[in-house]
């Protein structure tokens, strides 16, 4: 923890006990613990938000890597009734002609 060994930690605790007194030490330790827990919780939330944003950017990057696929998706969502003809099939003569 922060590169502090056991002996250094004991010296810090003894100095804190002498300076603050035995009545204030538990209260201050409790406040430090709550502050540390809040800091960790906030860092976890920030990390989750950054991960969520990066996933969205990955999806956008995939879309823009293939512009033809992007246009195809837009056309399918905008005009769902128009379907692409199946590959390998040719329209018959007069199939798409208007009838009177």
N, C-alpha and C. Protein backbone atom coordinates (compact mmCIF):
# COMPACT_ATOMS: atom_id res chain seq x y z
N UNK A 1 0.85 -1.18 0.00
CA UNK A 1 0.00 0.00 0.00
C UNK A 1 0.88 1.24 0.00
N UNK A 2 0.99 1.90 -1.13
CA UNK A 2 1.76 3.13 -1.31
C UNK A 2 3.24 2.94 -1.00
N UNK A 3 3.74 1.74 -0.99
CA UNK A 3 5.15 1.50 -0.72
C UNK A 3 5.53 1.73 0.74
N UNK A 4 4.56 1.72 1.63
CA UNK A 4 4.82 1.92 3.06
C UNK A 4 4.87 0.56 3.73
N UNK A 5 5.93 0.31 4.45
CA UNK A 5 6.07 -0.95 5.16
C UNK A 5 5.34 -0.92 6.49
N UNK A 6 5.42 -2.05 7.19
CA UNK A 6 4.72 -2.18 8.48
C UNK A 6 5.28 -1.20 9.52
N UNK A 7 6.60 -1.06 9.59
CA UNK A 7 7.20 -0.17 10.60
C UNK A 7 6.83 1.29 10.33
N UNK A 8 6.84 1.70 9.07
CA UNK A 8 6.45 3.08 8.75
C UNK A 8 4.99 3.34 9.12
N UNK A 9 4.14 2.35 8.84
CA UNK A 9 2.72 2.49 9.18
C UNK A 9 2.54 2.61 10.69
N UNK A 10 3.27 1.84 11.46
CA UNK A 10 3.17 1.92 12.93
C UNK A 10 3.63 3.29 13.43
N UNK A 11 4.70 3.83 12.87
CA UNK A 11 5.19 5.15 13.28
C UNK A 11 4.14 6.21 12.98
N UNK A 12 3.52 6.13 11.80
CA UNK A 12 2.48 7.10 11.44
C UNK A 12 1.31 7.00 12.42
N UNK A 13 0.89 5.79 12.76
CA UNK A 13 -0.23 5.60 13.70
C UNK A 13 0.11 6.15 15.09
N UNK A 14 1.34 5.92 15.57
CA UNK A 14 1.74 6.43 16.89
C UNK A 14 1.75 7.96 16.88
N UNK A 15 2.29 8.57 15.81
CA UNK A 15 2.32 10.03 15.72
C UNK A 15 0.89 10.57 15.66
N UNK A 16 0.01 9.94 14.89
CA UNK A 16 -1.38 10.38 14.81
C UNK A 16 -2.06 10.25 16.17
N UNK A 17 -1.77 9.19 16.90
CA UNK A 17 -2.35 9.00 18.23
C UNK A 17 -1.90 10.10 19.18
N UNK A 18 -0.63 10.47 19.13
CA UNK A 18 -0.10 11.52 20.02
C UNK A 18 -0.68 12.88 19.64
N UNK A 19 -0.72 13.18 18.32
CA UNK A 19 -1.18 14.51 17.88
C UNK A 19 -2.68 14.67 18.04
N UNK A 20 -3.45 13.69 17.64
CA UNK A 20 -4.90 13.82 17.64
C UNK A 20 -5.55 13.39 18.94
N UNK A 21 -4.95 12.50 19.63
CA UNK A 21 -5.53 12.01 20.87
C UNK A 21 -6.37 10.78 20.63
N UNK A 22 -6.54 9.98 21.67
CA UNK A 22 -7.26 8.71 21.51
C UNK A 22 -8.76 8.90 21.25
N UNK A 23 -9.35 10.02 21.63
CA UNK A 23 -10.79 10.19 21.43
C UNK A 23 -11.12 10.56 19.98
N UNK A 24 -10.27 11.30 19.30
CA UNK A 24 -10.53 11.74 17.94
C UNK A 24 -10.06 10.73 16.88
N UNK A 25 -9.14 9.88 17.22
CA UNK A 25 -8.55 8.96 16.25
C UNK A 25 -9.58 8.04 15.58
N UNK A 26 -10.50 7.40 16.30
CA UNK A 26 -11.49 6.54 15.62
C UNK A 26 -12.40 7.32 14.68
N UNK A 27 -12.78 8.53 15.08
CA UNK A 27 -13.65 9.36 14.23
C UNK A 27 -12.94 9.74 12.93
N UNK A 28 -11.69 10.13 13.04
CA UNK A 28 -10.92 10.50 11.85
C UNK A 28 -10.67 9.29 10.96
N UNK A 29 -10.37 8.15 11.56
CA UNK A 29 -10.15 6.92 10.78
C UNK A 29 -11.42 6.53 10.03
N UNK A 30 -12.58 6.68 10.69
CA UNK A 30 -13.86 6.37 10.06
C UNK A 30 -14.11 7.30 8.87
N UNK A 31 -13.83 8.58 9.04
CA UNK A 31 -14.00 9.54 7.96
C UNK A 31 -13.07 9.23 6.79
N UNK A 32 -11.83 8.89 7.09
CA UNK A 32 -10.89 8.52 6.02
C UNK A 32 -11.36 7.27 5.28
N UNK A 33 -11.87 6.31 6.01
CA UNK A 33 -12.37 5.07 5.39
C UNK A 33 -13.56 5.35 4.47
N UNK A 34 -14.50 6.19 4.93
CA UNK A 34 -15.65 6.53 4.09
C UNK A 34 -15.21 7.30 2.85
N UNK A 35 -14.25 8.21 3.02
CA UNK A 35 -13.74 8.96 1.88
C UNK A 35 -13.06 8.06 0.87
N UNK A 36 -12.28 7.10 1.35
CA UNK A 36 -11.60 6.16 0.48
C UNK A 36 -12.61 5.29 -0.28
N UNK A 37 -13.64 4.82 0.42
CA UNK A 37 -14.67 4.00 -0.23
C UNK A 37 -15.41 4.80 -1.30
N UNK A 38 -15.71 6.06 -1.03
CA UNK A 38 -16.39 6.91 -2.00
C UNK A 38 -15.50 7.16 -3.22
N UNK A 39 -14.21 7.34 -2.99
CA UNK A 39 -13.26 7.53 -4.09
C UNK A 39 -13.22 6.30 -4.98
N UNK A 40 -13.15 5.12 -4.39
CA UNK A 40 -13.12 3.88 -5.15
C UNK A 40 -14.42 3.70 -5.95
N UNK A 41 -15.57 4.00 -5.33
CA UNK A 41 -16.86 3.88 -6.00
C UNK A 41 -16.94 4.84 -7.19
N UNK A 42 -16.47 6.07 -7.00
CA UNK A 42 -16.48 7.04 -8.09
C UNK A 42 -15.58 6.60 -9.24
N UNK A 43 -14.41 6.08 -8.92
CA UNK A 43 -13.50 5.62 -9.96
C UNK A 43 -14.10 4.45 -10.73
N UNK A 44 -14.81 3.57 -10.05
CA UNK A 44 -15.47 2.44 -10.71
C UNK A 44 -16.56 2.94 -11.66
N UNK A 45 -17.34 3.96 -11.22
CA UNK A 45 -18.38 4.52 -12.08
C UNK A 45 -17.78 5.19 -13.31
N UNK A 46 -16.69 5.92 -13.13
CA UNK A 46 -16.03 6.57 -14.27
C UNK A 46 -15.51 5.52 -15.24
N UNK A 47 -14.90 4.47 -14.73
CA UNK A 47 -14.38 3.40 -15.59
C UNK A 47 -15.51 2.75 -16.37
N UNK A 48 -16.65 2.51 -15.73
CA UNK A 48 -17.79 1.90 -16.42
C UNK A 48 -18.31 2.83 -17.52
N UNK A 49 -18.36 4.12 -17.25
CA UNK A 49 -18.82 5.08 -18.25
C UNK A 49 -17.87 5.15 -19.44
N UNK A 50 -16.58 5.13 -19.17
CA UNK A 50 -15.59 5.14 -20.25
C UNK A 50 -15.71 3.86 -21.09
N UNK A 51 -15.89 2.73 -20.45
CA UNK A 51 -16.06 1.46 -21.17
C UNK A 51 -17.30 1.50 -22.05
N UNK A 52 -18.39 2.05 -21.51
CA UNK A 52 -19.64 2.15 -22.26
C UNK A 52 -19.45 3.05 -23.49
N UNK A 53 -18.76 4.17 -23.31
CA UNK A 53 -18.52 5.09 -24.42
C UNK A 53 -17.61 4.46 -25.47
N UNK A 54 -16.61 3.71 -25.03
CA UNK A 54 -15.70 3.10 -26.00
C UNK A 54 -16.39 2.01 -26.80
N UNK A 55 -17.34 1.31 -26.20
CA UNK A 55 -18.09 0.30 -26.95
C UNK A 55 -18.93 0.97 -28.04
N UNK A 56 -19.53 2.12 -27.71
CA UNK A 56 -20.29 2.85 -28.71
C UNK A 56 -19.40 3.32 -29.84
N UNK A 57 -18.19 3.77 -29.51
CA UNK A 57 -17.25 4.21 -30.55
C UNK A 57 -16.80 3.04 -31.41
N UNK A 58 -16.64 1.87 -30.82
CA UNK A 58 -16.26 0.68 -31.59
C UNK A 58 -17.34 0.34 -32.61
N UNK A 59 -18.62 0.45 -32.20
CA UNK A 59 -19.71 0.16 -33.12
C UNK A 59 -19.74 1.16 -34.26
N UNK A 60 -19.52 2.45 -33.95
CA UNK A 60 -19.50 3.47 -34.99
C UNK A 60 -18.31 3.26 -35.93
N UNK A 61 -17.17 2.87 -35.39
CA UNK A 61 -16.00 2.63 -36.22
C UNK A 61 -16.28 1.49 -37.20
N UNK A 62 -16.96 0.43 -36.73
CA UNK A 62 -17.29 -0.69 -37.61
C UNK A 62 -18.22 -0.25 -38.73
N UNK A 63 -19.15 0.63 -38.40
CA UNK A 63 -20.09 1.12 -39.41
C UNK A 63 -19.35 1.91 -40.49
N UNK A 64 -18.48 2.78 -40.07
CA UNK A 64 -17.80 3.65 -41.03
C UNK A 64 -16.67 2.95 -41.77
N UNK A 65 -16.27 1.77 -41.35
CA UNK A 65 -15.27 1.02 -42.09
C UNK A 65 -15.87 0.44 -43.36
N UNK A 66 -17.17 0.21 -43.36
CA UNK A 66 -17.83 -0.36 -44.53
C UNK A 66 -19.00 0.55 -44.92
N UNK A 67 -18.74 1.61 -45.70
CA UNK A 67 -19.81 2.56 -46.02
C UNK A 67 -20.95 1.93 -46.82
N UNK A 68 -20.66 0.94 -47.67
CA UNK A 68 -21.72 0.30 -48.45
C UNK A 68 -22.71 -0.40 -47.52
N UNK A 69 -22.21 -1.05 -46.49
CA UNK A 69 -23.08 -1.71 -45.53
C UNK A 69 -23.90 -0.68 -44.76
N UNK A 70 -23.29 0.48 -44.46
CA UNK A 70 -24.00 1.53 -43.75
C UNK A 70 -25.18 2.02 -44.60
N UNK A 71 -24.95 2.26 -45.89
CA UNK A 71 -26.03 2.72 -46.77
C UNK A 71 -27.11 1.65 -46.88
N UNK A 72 -26.71 0.40 -46.97
CA UNK A 72 -27.67 -0.70 -47.06
C UNK A 72 -28.55 -0.74 -45.81
N UNK A 73 -27.94 -0.59 -44.63
CA UNK A 73 -28.71 -0.60 -43.38
C UNK A 73 -29.68 0.58 -43.33
N UNK A 74 -29.23 1.75 -43.78
CA UNK A 74 -30.11 2.92 -43.78
C UNK A 74 -31.29 2.70 -44.72
N UNK A 75 -31.02 2.14 -45.89
CA UNK A 75 -32.09 1.88 -46.85
C UNK A 75 -33.09 0.87 -46.31
N UNK A 76 -32.58 -0.17 -45.64
CA UNK A 76 -33.47 -1.20 -45.10
C UNK A 76 -34.36 -0.64 -44.00
N UNK A 77 -33.81 0.24 -43.17
CA UNK A 77 -34.63 0.80 -42.09
C UNK A 77 -35.57 1.88 -42.59
N UNK A 78 -35.16 2.61 -43.64
CA UNK A 78 -36.00 3.69 -44.16
C UNK A 78 -37.11 3.15 -45.05
N UNK A 79 -36.79 2.20 -45.91
CA UNK A 79 -37.74 1.63 -46.85
C UNK A 79 -37.83 0.13 -46.64
N UNK A 80 -38.49 -0.32 -45.59
CA UNK A 80 -38.52 -1.77 -45.31
C UNK A 80 -39.27 -2.58 -46.36
N UNK A 81 -40.19 -1.95 -47.12
CA UNK A 81 -40.96 -2.71 -48.09
C UNK A 81 -40.15 -3.05 -49.33
N UNK A 82 -39.10 -2.31 -49.60
CA UNK A 82 -38.28 -2.62 -50.79
C UNK A 82 -37.22 -3.63 -50.40
N UNK A 83 -37.26 -4.76 -51.01
CA UNK A 83 -36.30 -5.84 -50.74
C UNK A 83 -35.34 -5.94 -51.92
N UNK A 84 -34.12 -6.33 -51.61
CA UNK A 84 -33.14 -6.58 -52.66
C UNK A 84 -33.52 -7.86 -53.38
N UNK A 85 -33.34 -7.90 -54.71
CA UNK A 85 -33.57 -9.17 -55.39
C UNK A 85 -32.51 -10.17 -54.96
N UNK A 86 -32.91 -11.41 -54.88
CA UNK A 86 -31.97 -12.45 -54.48
C UNK A 86 -30.89 -12.59 -55.53
N UNK A 87 -29.70 -12.85 -55.09
CA UNK A 87 -28.59 -13.00 -56.03
C UNK A 87 -28.78 -14.27 -56.85
N UNK A 88 -28.43 -14.18 -58.10
CA UNK A 88 -28.53 -15.35 -58.97
C UNK A 88 -29.86 -15.46 -59.67
N UNK A 89 -30.83 -14.62 -59.30
CA UNK A 89 -32.12 -14.67 -59.98
C UNK A 89 -32.22 -13.47 -60.89
N UNK A 90 -32.79 -13.67 -62.07
CA UNK A 90 -32.98 -12.59 -63.02
C UNK A 90 -34.48 -12.32 -63.13
N UNK A 91 -34.85 -11.05 -63.21
CA UNK A 91 -36.28 -10.77 -63.38
C UNK A 91 -36.76 -11.24 -64.75
N UNK A 92 -37.98 -11.75 -64.78
CA UNK A 92 -38.55 -12.22 -66.04
C UNK A 92 -38.98 -11.02 -66.86
N UNK A 93 -39.03 -11.21 -68.14
CA UNK A 93 -39.43 -10.15 -69.04
C UNK A 93 -40.89 -9.78 -68.76
N UNK A 94 -41.11 -8.49 -68.57
CA UNK A 94 -42.47 -8.02 -68.32
C UNK A 94 -42.92 -8.17 -66.89
N UNK A 95 -42.04 -8.63 -65.97
CA UNK A 95 -42.42 -8.84 -64.58
C UNK A 95 -42.68 -7.52 -63.86
N UNK A 96 -41.91 -6.52 -64.16
CA UNK A 96 -42.06 -5.25 -63.48
C UNK A 96 -42.79 -4.22 -64.34
N UNK A 97 -43.41 -4.61 -65.44
CA UNK A 97 -44.11 -3.67 -66.31
C UNK A 97 -45.45 -3.29 -65.68
N UNK A 98 -45.88 -2.07 -65.95
CA UNK A 98 -47.15 -1.61 -65.38
C UNK A 98 -48.29 -2.19 -66.19
N UNK A 99 -49.35 -2.59 -65.50
CA UNK A 99 -50.51 -3.19 -66.15
C UNK A 99 -51.58 -2.13 -66.32
N UNK A 100 -52.31 -2.15 -67.47
CA UNK A 100 -53.35 -1.16 -67.72
C UNK A 100 -54.71 -1.75 -67.53
